[in-house]
Amino acid sequence: MELLRTALSPDGDQTEAAARDLAGQAEALLGDTAEDHMSRVLAVAAHRELARRLASAGAGDARFAAQRAAALAQPLGGLGVPAWDELLRAAARPC
């Protein structure tokens, strides 16, 4: 969990790279079960972080954050992982 927290801590452009690395490590360690489990953990952590940031942001910042989340979630859709499909639907939902 500490690795997950480190990966999700805001650190410029390193956040996305760290999340990808974490997902790769989990898949290598846990096999097929890793994808669904880690996607759920990442989705929950990302949702909490986004909610925290949006609570302290203005309307323009919130709109930008929502658009960025939708753009980042787009490649996850249609991969057959229900948690990722739900994340994509949530990110694409209008504010």
C-alpha atoms as a PDB file:
ATOM      1  CA  MET A   1       0.000   0.000   0.000  1.00  0.00           C
ATOM      2  CA  GLU A   2       2.904   2.352   0.657  1.00  0.00           C
ATOM      3  CA  LEU A   3       3.996   1.967  -2.969  1.00  0.00           C
ATOM      4  CA  LEU A   4       0.454   2.818  -4.064  1.00  0.00           C
ATOM      5  CA  ARG A   5       0.389   5.938  -1.890  1.00  0.00           C
ATOM      6  CA  THR A   6       3.742   7.021  -3.291  1.00  0.00           C
ATOM      7  CA  ALA A   7       2.531   6.439  -6.841  1.00  0.00           C
ATOM      8  CA  LEU A   8      -0.584   8.542  -6.295  1.00  0.00           C
ATOM      9  CA  SER A   9       1.044  11.406  -4.428  1.00  0.00           C
ATOM     10  CA  PRO A  10       1.052  14.520  -6.624  1.00  0.00           C
ATOM     11  CA  ASP A  11       4.545  14.834  -8.089  1.00  0.00           C
ATOM     12  CA  GLY A  12       4.180  16.524 -11.464  1.00  0.00           C
ATOM     13  CA  ASP A  13       4.345  14.269 -14.499  1.00  0.00           C
ATOM     14  CA  GLN A  14       5.729  11.369 -12.464  1.00  0.00           C
ATOM     15  CA  THR A  15       2.291  10.386 -11.137  1.00  0.00           C
ATOM     16  CA  GLU A  16       1.097   8.725 -14.340  1.00  0.00           C
ATOM     17  CA  ALA A  17       4.417   6.950 -14.918  1.00  0.00           C
ATOM     18  CA  ALA A  18       4.453   5.687 -11.337  1.00  0.00           C
ATOM     19  CA  ALA A  19       0.871   4.411 -11.647  1.00  0.00           C
ATOM     20  CA  ARG A  20       1.735   2.538 -14.855  1.00  0.00           C
ATOM     21  CA  ASP A  21       4.807   1.028 -13.205  1.00  0.00           C
ATOM     22  CA  LEU A  22       2.750  -0.013 -10.191  1.00  0.00           C
ATOM     23  CA  ALA A  23       0.144  -1.701 -12.386  1.00  0.00           C
ATOM     24  CA  GLY A  24       2.884  -3.544 -14.267  1.00  0.00           C
ATOM     25  CA  GLN A  25       4.485  -4.751 -11.049  1.00  0.00           C
ATOM     26  CA  ALA A  26       1.147  -5.923  -9.673  1.00  0.00           C
ATOM     27  CA  GLU A  27       0.344  -7.840 -12.845  1.00  0.00           C
ATOM     28  CA  ALA A  28       3.747  -9.518 -12.789  1.00  0.00           C
ATOM     29  CA  LEU A  29       3.385 -10.459  -9.117  1.00  0.00           C
ATOM     30  CA  LEU A  30      -0.269 -11.464  -8.968  1.00  0.00           C
ATOM     31  CA  GLY A  31      -1.008 -12.669 -12.487  1.00  0.00           C
ATOM     32  CA  ASP A  32      -4.554 -12.409 -13.814  1.00  0.00           C
ATOM     33  CA  THR A  33      -6.052 -11.362 -10.482  1.00  0.00           C
ATOM     34  CA  ALA A  34      -3.873  -8.264 -10.317  1.00  0.00           C
ATOM     35  CA  GLU A  35      -5.595  -6.342 -13.092  1.00  0.00           C
ATOM     36  CA  ASP A  36      -9.051  -6.235 -11.554  1.00  0.00           C
ATOM     37  CA  HIS A  37      -7.853  -5.773  -7.972  1.00  0.00           C
ATOM     38  CA  MET A  38      -5.329  -3.041  -8.742  1.00  0.00           C
ATOM     39  CA  SER A  39      -7.706  -1.184 -11.040  1.00  0.00           C
ATOM     40  CA  ARG A  40     -10.251  -1.029  -8.230  1.00  0.00           C
ATOM     41  CA  VAL A  41      -7.652   0.148  -5.711  1.00  0.00           C
ATOM     42  CA  LEU A  42      -6.365   2.788  -8.130  1.00  0.00           C
ATOM     43  CA  ALA A  43      -9.897   3.917  -9.029  1.00  0.00           C
ATOM     44  CA  VAL A  44     -10.837   4.399  -5.363  1.00  0.00           C
ATOM     45  CA  ALA A  45      -7.604   6.237  -4.559  1.00  0.00           C
ATOM     46  CA  ALA A  46      -7.912   8.413  -7.676  1.00  0.00           C
ATOM     47  CA  HIS A  47     -11.541   9.226  -6.837  1.00  0.00           C
ATOM     48  CA  ARG A  48     -10.610  10.275  -3.299  1.00  0.00           C
ATOM     49  CA  GLU A  49      -7.722  12.418  -4.511  1.00  0.00           C
ATOM     50  CA  LEU A  50      -9.859  14.032  -7.216  1.00  0.00           C
ATOM     51  CA  ALA A  51     -12.632  14.758  -4.703  1.00  0.00           C
ATOM     52  CA  ARG A  52     -10.092  16.326  -2.333  1.00  0.00           C
ATOM     53  CA  ARG A  53      -8.643  18.504  -5.086  1.00  0.00           C
ATOM     54  CA  LEU A  54     -12.026  19.533  -6.486  1.00  0.00           C
ATOM     55  CA  ALA A  55     -13.224  20.514  -3.013  1.00  0.00           C
ATOM     56  CA  SER A  56     -10.428  23.068  -2.811  1.00  0.00           C
ATOM     57  CA  ALA A  57     -10.561  24.201  -6.457  1.00  0.00           C
ATOM     58  CA  GLY A  58     -12.561  26.893  -8.193  1.00  0.00           C
ATOM     59  CA  ALA A  59     -15.076  26.214 -10.989  1.00  0.00           C
ATOM     60  CA  GLY A  60     -12.526  26.707 -13.797  1.00  0.00           C
ATOM     61  CA  ASP A  61     -10.005  24.443 -12.100  1.00  0.00           C
ATOM     62  CA  ALA A  62     -12.689  21.825 -11.463  1.00  0.00           C
ATOM     63  CA  ARG A  63     -13.732  21.848 -15.128  1.00  0.00           C
ATOM     64  CA  PHE A  64     -10.107  21.461 -16.246  1.00  0.00           C
ATOM     65  CA  ALA A  65      -9.561  18.596 -13.781  1.00  0.00           C
ATOM     66  CA  ALA A  66     -12.686  16.814 -15.041  1.00  0.00           C
ATOM     67  CA  GLN A  67     -11.585  17.174 -18.670  1.00  0.00           C
ATOM     68  CA  ARG A  68      -8.109  15.866 -17.803  1.00  0.00           C
ATOM     69  CA  ALA A  69      -9.573  12.897 -15.914  1.00  0.00           C
ATOM     70  CA  ALA A  70     -11.783  12.031 -18.888  1.00  0.00           C
ATOM     71  CA  ALA A  71      -8.812  12.223 -21.274  1.00  0.00           C
ATOM     72  CA  LEU A  72      -6.662  10.013 -19.036  1.00  0.00           C
ATOM     73  CA  ALA A  73      -9.451   7.458 -18.583  1.00  0.00           C
ATOM     74  CA  GLN A  74     -10.250   7.176 -22.313  1.00  0.00           C
ATOM     75  CA  PRO A  75      -7.641   4.462 -23.146  1.00  0.00           C
ATOM     76  CA  LEU A  76      -8.995   2.273 -20.326  1.00  0.00           C
ATOM     77  CA  GLY A  77     -12.404   1.831 -21.937  1.00  0.00           C
ATOM     78  CA  GLY A  78     -13.311  -1.325 -23.797  1.00  0.00           C
ATOM     79  CA  LEU A  79     -10.528  -3.462 -22.322  1.00  0.00           C
ATOM     80  CA  GLY A  80     -12.964  -5.814 -20.608  1.00  0.00           C
ATOM     81  CA  VAL A  81     -12.241  -4.602 -17.069  1.00  0.00           C
ATOM     82  CA  PRO A  82     -15.525  -3.522 -15.426  1.00  0.00           C
ATOM     83  CA  ALA A  83     -13.833  -1.224 -12.908  1.00  0.00           C
ATOM     84  CA  TRP A  84     -12.026   0.624 -15.698  1.00  0.00           C
ATOM     85  CA  ASP A  85     -15.247   0.957 -17.706  1.00  0.00           C
ATOM     86  CA  GLU A  86     -16.934   2.439 -14.628  1.00  0.00           C
ATOM     87  CA  LEU A  87     -14.011   4.824 -14.113  1.00  0.00           C
ATOM     88  CA  LEU A  88     -14.335   5.956 -17.739  1.00  0.00           C
ATOM     89  CA  ARG A  89     -18.094   6.503 -17.379  1.00  0.00           C
ATOM     90  CA  ALA A  90     -17.547   8.488 -14.175  1.00  0.00           C
ATOM     91  CA  ALA A  91     -14.815  10.625 -15.739  1.00  0.00           C
ATOM     92  CA  ALA A  92     -16.874  11.315 -18.859  1.00  0.00           C
ATOM     93  CA  ARG A  93     -19.987  12.283 -16.888  1.00  0.00           C
ATOM     94  CA  PRO A  94     -20.633  16.046 -17.257  1.00  0.00           C
ATOM     95  CA  CYS A  95     -19.997  18.144 -14.163  1.00  0.00           C
END
